[in-house]
PDB file of N, CA and C in Angstrom:
ATOM      1  N   MET A   1      16.622 -35.929 -39.055  1.00  0.00           N
ATOM      2  CA  MET A   1      18.067 -35.918 -39.131  1.00  0.00           C
ATOM      3  C   MET A   1      18.632 -37.332 -39.151  1.00  0.00           C
ATOM      4  N   ASP A   2      17.799 -38.319 -38.870  1.00  0.00           N
ATOM      5  CA  ASP A   2      18.290 -39.693 -38.865  1.00  0.00           C
ATOM      6  C   ASP A   2      18.086 -40.408 -40.195  1.00  0.00           C
ATOM      7  N   LEU A   3      17.627 -39.688 -41.216  1.00  0.00           N
ATOM      8  CA  LEU A   3      17.544 -40.295 -42.537  1.00  0.00           C
ATOM      9  C   LEU A   3      18.953 -40.624 -43.004  1.00  0.00           C
ATOM     10  N   PRO A   4      19.146 -41.732 -43.707  1.00  0.00           N
ATOM     11  CA  PRO A   4      20.500 -42.123 -44.134  1.00  0.00           C
ATOM     12  C   PRO A   4      21.235 -41.030 -44.914  1.00  0.00           C
ATOM     13  N   ALA A   5      20.541 -40.350 -45.819  1.00  0.00           N
ATOM     14  CA  ALA A   5      21.193 -39.293 -46.598  1.00  0.00           C
ATOM     15  C   ALA A   5      21.629 -38.130 -45.704  1.00  0.00           C
ATOM     16  N   MET A   6      20.799 -37.784 -44.724  1.00  0.00           N
ATOM     17  CA  MET A   6      21.144 -36.692 -43.816  1.00  0.00           C
ATOM     18  C   MET A   6      22.319 -37.085 -42.924  1.00  0.00           C
ATOM     19  N   ARG A   7      22.300 -38.317 -42.421  1.00  0.00           N
ATOM     20  CA  ARG A   7      23.411 -38.779 -41.577  1.00  0.00           C
ATOM     21  C   ARG A   7      24.711 -38.793 -42.369  1.00  0.00           C
ATOM     22  N   LEU A   8      24.639 -39.188 -43.641  1.00  0.00           N
ATOM     23  CA  LEU A   8      25.833 -39.192 -44.493  1.00  0.00           C
ATOM     24  C   LEU A   8      26.359 -37.772 -44.676  1.00  0.00           C
ATOM     25  N   PHE A   9      25.449 -36.831 -44.940  1.00  0.00           N
ATOM     26  CA  PHE A   9      25.848 -35.433 -45.104  1.00  0.00           C
ATOM     27  C   PHE A   9      26.469 -34.886 -43.826  1.00  0.00           C
ATOM     28  N   PHE A  10      25.789 -35.080 -42.697  1.00  0.00           N
ATOM     29  CA  PHE A  10      26.314 -34.571 -41.433  1.00  0.00           C
ATOM     30  C   PHE A  10      27.610 -35.280 -41.055  1.00  0.00           C
ATOM     31  N   GLY A  11      27.740 -36.550 -41.411  1.00  0.00           N
ATOM     32  CA  GLY A  11      28.991 -37.257 -41.172  1.00  0.00           C
ATOM     33  C   GLY A  11      30.134 -36.654 -41.983  1.00  0.00           C
ATOM     34  N   TYR A  12      29.809 -36.189 -43.179  1.00  0.00           N
ATOM     35  CA  TYR A  12      30.801 -35.570 -44.050  1.00  0.00           C
ATOM     36  C   TYR A  12      31.299 -34.240 -43.477  1.00  0.00           C
ATOM     37  N   ILE A  13      30.411 -33.485 -42.846  1.00  0.00           N
ATOM     38  CA  ILE A  13      30.800 -32.182 -42.293  1.00  0.00           C
ATOM     39  C   ILE A  13      30.931 -32.227 -40.765  1.00  0.00           C
ATOM     40  N   LYS A  14      31.112 -33.423 -40.214  1.00  0.00           N
ATOM     41  CA  LYS A  14      31.147 -33.597 -38.759  1.00  0.00           C
ATOM     42  C   LYS A  14      32.166 -32.683 -38.083  1.00  0.00           C
ATOM     43  N   ALA A  15      33.333 -32.527 -38.676  1.00  0.00           N
ATOM     44  CA  ALA A  15      34.380 -31.704 -38.065  1.00  0.00           C
ATOM     45  C   ALA A  15      33.960 -30.233 -37.951  1.00  0.00           C
ATOM     46  N   ASP A  16      33.101 -29.783 -38.851  1.00  0.00           N
ATOM     47  CA  ASP A  16      32.668 -28.384 -38.855  1.00  0.00           C
ATOM     48  C   ASP A  16      31.427 -28.132 -38.008  1.00  0.00           C
ATOM     49  N   LEU A  17      30.723 -29.177 -37.597  1.00  0.00           N
ATOM     50  CA  LEU A  17      29.458 -28.991 -36.884  1.00  0.00           C
ATOM     51  C   LEU A  17      29.588 -28.226 -35.567  1.00  0.00           C
ATOM     52  N   PRO A  18      30.603 -28.482 -34.734  1.00  0.00           N
ATOM     53  CA  PRO A  18      30.704 -27.663 -33.509  1.00  0.00           C
ATOM     54  C   PRO A  18      30.881 -26.170 -33.804  1.00  0.00           C
ATOM     55  N   THR A  19      31.637 -25.843 -34.839  1.00  0.00           N
ATOM     56  CA  THR A  19      31.838 -24.447 -35.218  1.00  0.00           C
ATOM     57  C   THR A  19      30.545 -23.846 -35.753  1.00  0.00           C
ATOM     58  N   ILE A  20      29.820 -24.610 -36.557  1.00  0.00           N
ATOM     59  CA  ILE A  20      28.540 -24.139 -37.104  1.00  0.00           C
ATOM     60  C   ILE A  20      27.554 -23.882 -35.965  1.00  0.00           C
ATOM     61  N   LEU A  21      27.499 -24.789 -34.999  1.00  0.00           N
ATOM     62  CA  LEU A  21      26.612 -24.610 -33.850  1.00  0.00           C
ATOM     63  C   LEU A  21      27.009 -23.380 -33.044  1.00  0.00           C
ATOM     64  N   ALA A  22      28.288 -23.195 -32.805  1.00  0.00           N
ATOM     65  CA  ALA A  22      28.752 -22.027 -32.047  1.00  0.00           C
ATOM     66  C   ALA A  22      28.413 -20.731 -32.781  1.00  0.00           C
ATOM     67  N   ASP A  23      28.579 -20.714 -34.106  1.00  0.00           N
ATOM     68  CA  ASP A  23      28.226 -19.524 -34.891  1.00  0.00           C
ATOM     69  C   ASP A  23      26.733 -19.239 -34.812  1.00  0.00           C
ATOM     70  N   PHE A  24      25.911 -20.293 -34.894  1.00  0.00           N
ATOM     71  CA  PHE A  24      24.470 -20.101 -34.797  1.00  0.00           C
ATOM     72  C   PHE A  24      24.085 -19.557 -33.433  1.00  0.00           C
ATOM     73  N   LEU A  25      24.652 -20.116 -32.375  1.00  0.00           N
ATOM     74  CA  LEU A  25      24.317 -19.649 -31.027  1.00  0.00           C
ATOM     75  C   LEU A  25      24.762 -18.214 -30.799  1.00  0.00           C
ATOM     76  N   ALA A  26      25.843 -17.790 -31.468  1.00  0.00           N
ATOM     77  CA  ALA A  26      26.303 -16.407 -31.347  1.00  0.00           C
ATOM     78  C   ALA A  26      25.301 -15.442 -31.991  1.00  0.00           C
ATOM     79  N   LEU A  27      24.618 -15.894 -33.034  1.00  0.00           N
ATOM     80  CA  LEU A  27      23.641 -15.052 -33.716  1.00  0.00           C
ATOM     81  C   LEU A  27      22.258 -15.114 -33.078  1.00  0.00           C
ATOM     82  N   TYR A  28      22.085 -16.019 -32.160  1.00  0.00           N
ATOM     83  CA  TYR A  28      20.790 -16.306 -31.552  1.00  0.00           C
ATOM     84  C   TYR A  28      20.642 -15.447 -30.300  1.00  0.00           C
ATOM     85  N   HIS A  29      20.042 -14.276 -30.438  1.00  0.00           N
ATOM     86  CA  HIS A  29      19.936 -13.350 -29.313  1.00  0.00           C
ATOM     87  C   HIS A  29      18.587 -12.639 -29.370  1.00  0.00           C
ATOM     88  N   GLU A  30      18.390 -11.688 -28.479  1.00  0.00           N
ATOM     89  CA  GLU A  30      17.094 -11.013 -28.345  1.00  0.00           C
ATOM     90  C   GLU A  30      16.693 -10.275 -29.614  1.00  0.00           C
ATOM     91  N   LYS A  31      17.648  -9.660 -30.298  1.00  0.00           N
ATOM     92  CA  LYS A  31      17.314  -8.939 -31.533  1.00  0.00           C
ATOM     93  C   LYS A  31      16.802  -9.909 -32.590  1.00  0.00           C
ATOM     94  N   PHE A  32      17.352 -11.105 -32.629  1.00  0.00           N
ATOM     95  CA  PHE A  32      16.879 -12.125 -33.565  1.00  0.00           C
ATOM     96  C   PHE A  32      15.417 -12.473 -33.267  1.00  0.00           C
ATOM     97  N   GLU A  33      15.095 -12.597 -31.999  1.00  0.00           N
ATOM     98  CA  GLU A  33      13.718 -12.887 -31.588  1.00  0.00           C
ATOM     99  C   GLU A  33      12.784 -11.763 -32.038  1.00  0.00           C
ATOM    100  N   ILE A  34      13.205 -10.524 -31.865  1.00  0.00           N
ATOM    101  CA  ILE A  34      12.385  -9.370 -32.258  1.00  0.00           C
ATOM    102  C   ILE A  34      12.216  -9.337 -33.773  1.00  0.00           C
ATOM    103  N   ASP A  35      13.280  -9.637 -34.510  1.00  0.00           N
ATOM    104  CA  ASP A  35      13.193  -9.655 -35.972  1.00  0.00           C
ATOM    105  C   ASP A  35      12.218 -10.727 -36.461  1.00  0.00           C
ATOM    106  N   ILE A  36      12.256 -11.893 -35.848  1.00  0.00           N
ATOM    107  CA  ILE A  36      11.333 -12.967 -36.224  1.00  0.00           C
ATOM    108  C   ILE A  36       9.895 -12.546 -35.932  1.00  0.00           C
ATOM    109  N   LYS A  37       9.683 -11.965 -34.773  1.00  0.00           N
ATOM    110  CA  LYS A  37       8.329 -11.523 -34.400  1.00  0.00           C
ATOM    111  C   LYS A  37       7.839 -10.455 -35.376  1.00  0.00           C
ATOM    112  N   TYR A  38       8.714  -9.556 -35.771  1.00  0.00           N
ATOM    113  CA  TYR A  38       8.357  -8.512 -36.730  1.00  0.00           C
ATOM    114  C   TYR A  38       7.972  -9.131 -38.073  1.00  0.00           C
ATOM    115  N   GLN A  39       8.738 -10.096 -38.545  1.00  0.00           N
ATOM    116  CA  GLN A  39       8.420 -10.748 -39.821  1.00  0.00           C
ATOM    117  C   GLN A  39       7.070 -11.457 -39.761  1.00  0.00           C
ATOM    118  N   LEU A  40       6.779 -12.084 -38.637  1.00  0.00           N
ATOM    119  CA  LEU A  40       5.487 -12.756 -38.491  1.00  0.00           C
ATOM    120  C   LEU A  40       4.328 -11.771 -38.443  1.00  0.00           C
ATOM    121  N   SER A  41       4.601 -10.534 -38.035  1.00  0.00           N
ATOM    122  CA  SER A  41       3.524  -9.545 -37.948  1.00  0.00           C
ATOM    123  C   SER A  41       2.972  -9.170 -39.320  1.00  0.00           C
ATOM    124  N   TYR A  42       3.693  -9.492 -40.380  1.00  0.00           N
ATOM    125  CA  TYR A  42       3.197  -9.235 -41.729  1.00  0.00           C
ATOM    126  C   TYR A  42       2.024 -10.136 -42.099  1.00  0.00           C
ATOM    127  N   TYR A  43       1.853 -11.220 -41.372  1.00  0.00           N
ATOM    128  CA  TYR A  43       0.824 -12.210 -41.687  1.00  0.00           C
ATOM    129  C   TYR A  43      -0.119 -12.369 -40.496  1.00  0.00           C
ATOM    130  N   PRO A  44      -1.054 -11.429 -40.303  1.00  0.00           N
ATOM    131  CA  PRO A  44      -1.900 -11.453 -39.106  1.00  0.00           C
ATOM    132  C   PRO A  44      -2.746 -12.714 -38.971  1.00  0.00           C
ATOM    133  N   GLU A  45      -3.107 -13.346 -40.089  1.00  0.00           N
ATOM    134  CA  GLU A  45      -3.939 -14.541 -39.987  1.00  0.00           C
ATOM    135  C   GLU A  45      -3.172 -15.731 -39.412  1.00  0.00           C
ATOM    136  N   HIS A  46      -1.856 -15.697 -39.473  1.00  0.00           N
ATOM    137  CA  HIS A  46      -1.026 -16.788 -38.944  1.00  0.00           C
ATOM    138  C   HIS A  46      -0.193 -16.369 -37.732  1.00  0.00           C
ATOM    139  N   ARG A  47      -0.148 -15.078 -37.470  1.00  0.00           N
ATOM    140  CA  ARG A  47       0.776 -14.532 -36.469  1.00  0.00           C
ATOM    141  C   ARG A  47       0.683 -15.226 -35.120  1.00  0.00           C
ATOM    142  N   ASN A  48      -0.484 -15.311 -34.546  1.00  0.00           N
ATOM    143  CA  ASN A  48      -0.608 -15.859 -33.198  1.00  0.00           C
ATOM    144  C   ASN A  48      -0.261 -17.334 -33.135  1.00  0.00           C
ATOM    145  N   ALA A  49      -0.749 -18.101 -34.094  1.00  0.00           N
ATOM    146  CA  ALA A  49      -0.470 -19.541 -34.087  1.00  0.00           C
ATOM    147  C   ALA A  49       1.017 -19.797 -34.257  1.00  0.00           C
ATOM    148  N   TYR A  50       1.649 -19.111 -35.209  1.00  0.00           N
ATOM    149  CA  TYR A  50       3.072 -19.337 -35.443  1.00  0.00           C
ATOM    150  C   TYR A  50       3.924 -18.795 -34.302  1.00  0.00           C
ATOM    151  N   TRP A  51       3.574 -17.627 -33.801  1.00  0.00           N
ATOM    152  CA  TRP A  51       4.395 -17.043 -32.748  1.00  0.00           C
ATOM    153  C   TRP A  51       4.359 -17.887 -31.487  1.00  0.00           C
ATOM    154  N   ASN A  52       3.206 -18.465 -31.164  1.00  0.00           N
ATOM    155  CA  ASN A  52       3.136 -19.320 -29.984  1.00  0.00           C
ATOM    156  C   ASN A  52       4.078 -20.514 -30.110  1.00  0.00           C
ATOM    157  N   GLU A  53       4.286 -21.008 -31.319  1.00  0.00           N
ATOM    158  CA  GLU A  53       5.226 -22.108 -31.542  1.00  0.00           C
ATOM    159  C   GLU A  53       6.667 -21.604 -31.552  1.00  0.00           C
ATOM    160  N   VAL A  54       6.908 -20.506 -32.259  1.00  0.00           N
ATOM    161  CA  VAL A  54       8.269 -19.995 -32.429  1.00  0.00           C
ATOM    162  C   VAL A  54       8.848 -19.469 -31.123  1.00  0.00           C
ATOM    163  N   LYS A  55       8.038 -18.821 -30.289  1.00  0.00           N
ATOM    164  CA  LYS A  55       8.573 -18.219 -29.068  1.00  0.00           C
ATOM    165  C   LYS A  55       9.125 -19.267 -28.108  1.00  0.00           C
ATOM    166  N   GLN A  56       8.683 -20.510 -28.222  1.00  0.00           N
ATOM    167  CA  GLN A  56       9.237 -21.576 -27.387  1.00  0.00           C
ATOM    168  C   GLN A  56      10.722 -21.786 -27.680  1.00  0.00           C
ATOM    169  N   CYS A  57      11.125 -21.503 -28.902  1.00  0.00           N
ATOM    170  CA  CYS A  57      12.530 -21.674 -29.291  1.00  0.00           C
ATOM    171  C   CYS A  57      13.452 -20.701 -28.571  1.00  0.00           C
ATOM    172  N   PHE A  58      12.911 -19.630 -28.027  1.00  0.00           N
ATOM    173  CA  PHE A  58      13.720 -18.631 -27.340  1.00  0.00           C
ATOM    174  C   PHE A  58      13.762 -18.848 -25.836  1.00  0.00           C
ATOM    175  N   ASP A  59      13.133 -19.895 -25.363  1.00  0.00           N
ATOM    176  CA  ASP A  59      13.169 -20.249 -23.945  1.00  0.00           C
ATOM    177  C   ASP A  59      14.550 -20.848 -23.627  1.00  0.00           C
ATOM    178  N   PRO A  60      15.249 -20.348 -22.614  1.00  0.00           N
ATOM    179  CA  PRO A  60      16.590 -20.856 -22.298  1.00  0.00           C
ATOM    180  C   PRO A  60      16.623 -22.360 -22.027  1.00  0.00           C
ATOM    181  N   ASN A  61      15.588 -22.898 -21.402  1.00  0.00           N
ATOM    182  CA  ASN A  61      15.557 -24.343 -21.151  1.00  0.00           C
ATOM    183  C   ASN A  61      15.498 -25.120 -22.456  1.00  0.00           C
ATOM    184  N   TYR A  62      14.714 -24.620 -23.396  1.00  0.00           N
ATOM    185  CA  TYR A  62      14.615 -25.276 -24.699  1.00  0.00           C
ATOM    186  C   TYR A  62      15.952 -25.195 -25.432  1.00  0.00           C
ATOM    187  N   MET A  63      16.601 -24.034 -25.368  1.00  0.00           N
ATOM    188  CA  MET A  63      17.906 -23.886 -26.032  1.00  0.00           C
ATOM    189  C   MET A  63      18.931 -24.840 -25.442  1.00  0.00           C
ATOM    190  N   ASN A  64      18.936 -25.009 -24.117  1.00  0.00           N
ATOM    191  CA  ASN A  64      19.852 -25.963 -23.494  1.00  0.00           C
ATOM    192  C   ASN A  64      19.566 -27.379 -23.962  1.00  0.00           C
ATOM    193  N   TYR A  65      18.288 -27.738 -24.039  1.00  0.00           N
ATOM    194  CA  TYR A  65      17.889 -29.068 -24.490  1.00  0.00           C
ATOM    195  C   TYR A  65      18.338 -29.318 -25.930  1.00  0.00           C
ATOM    196  N   VAL A  66      18.082 -28.357 -26.817  1.00  0.00           N
ATOM    197  CA  VAL A  66      18.432 -28.522 -28.223  1.00  0.00           C
ATOM    198  C   VAL A  66      19.948 -28.569 -28.404  1.00  0.00           C
ATOM    199  N   THR A  67      20.667 -27.714 -27.708  1.00  0.00           N
ATOM    200  CA  THR A  67      22.124 -27.717 -27.800  1.00  0.00           C
ATOM    201  C   THR A  67      22.686 -29.060 -27.347  1.00  0.00           C
ATOM    202  N   ALA A  68      22.170 -29.603 -26.263  1.00  0.00           N
ATOM    203  CA  ALA A  68      22.610 -30.916 -25.798  1.00  0.00           C
ATOM    204  C   ALA A  68      22.254 -32.001 -26.807  1.00  0.00           C
ATOM    205  N   ALA A  69      21.080 -31.916 -27.417  1.00  0.00           N
ATOM    206  CA  ALA A  69      20.678 -32.899 -28.420  1.00  0.00           C
ATOM    207  C   ALA A  69      21.588 -32.841 -29.643  1.00  0.00           C
ATOM    208  N   VAL A  70      21.976 -31.639 -30.068  1.00  0.00           N
ATOM    209  CA  VAL A  70      22.877 -31.506 -31.218  1.00  0.00           C
ATOM    210  C   VAL A  70      24.260 -32.068 -30.871  1.00  0.00           C
ATOM    211  N   HIS A  71      24.759 -31.762 -29.676  1.00  0.00           N
ATOM    212  CA  HIS A  71      26.057 -32.325 -29.266  1.00  0.00           C
ATOM    213  C   HIS A  71      25.986 -33.848 -29.218  1.00  0.00           C
ATOM    214  N   ASN A  72      24.895 -34.385 -28.721  1.00  0.00           N
ATOM    215  CA  ASN A  72      24.715 -35.835 -28.680  1.00  0.00           C
ATOM    216  C   ASN A  72      24.680 -36.413 -30.093  1.00  0.00           C
ATOM    217  N   PHE A  73      24.008 -35.738 -31.015  1.00  0.00           N
ATOM    218  CA  PHE A  73      23.946 -36.184 -32.409  1.00  0.00           C
ATOM    219  C   PHE A  73      25.341 -36.200 -33.033  1.00  0.00           C
ATOM    220  N   ILE A  74      26.120 -35.155 -32.761  1.00  0.00           N
ATOM    221  CA  ILE A  74      27.496 -35.090 -33.302  1.00  0.00           C
ATOM    222  C   ILE A  74      28.322 -36.248 -32.791  1.00  0.00           C
ATOM    223  N   ILE A  75      28.179 -36.563 -31.518  1.00  0.00           N
ATOM    224  CA  ILE A  75      28.938 -37.670 -30.926  1.00  0.00           C
ATOM    225  C   ILE A  75      28.540 -39.002 -31.552  1.00  0.00           C
ATOM    226  N   ARG A  76      27.253 -39.177 -31.859  1.00  0.00           N
ATOM    227  CA  ARG A  76      26.769 -40.453 -32.403  1.00  0.00           C
ATOM    228  C   ARG A  76      27.098 -40.641 -33.873  1.00  0.00           C
ATOM    229  N   LEU A  77      27.472 -39.582 -34.566  1.00  0.00           N
ATOM    230  CA  LEU A  77      27.825 -39.726 -35.974  1.00  0.00           C
ATOM    231  C   LEU A  77      29.048 -40.619 -36.116  1.00  0.00           C
ATOM    232  N   SER A  78      28.993 -41.481 -37.109  1.00  0.00           N
ATOM    233  CA  SER A  78      30.164 -42.349 -37.309  1.00  0.00           C
ATOM    234  C   SER A  78      30.862 -42.032 -38.595  1.00  0.00           C
TER     235      SER A  78
END
């Protein structure tokens, strides 16, 4: 996200980023986790490796960390 082109893009939509984050967090719930797990079940050769990585994203501590990092990124945009 710190590539110059990405920073320019995010700087352009900076005013909308808090709303985009809030919309994403509203969609981020237990059913979303179940849907992701179901989609991964189609690929048994990758299921366990990918799910072990993906399930970390549903940990509340991780979500708090990422949300704080995104808010910090928004603040640092110039």
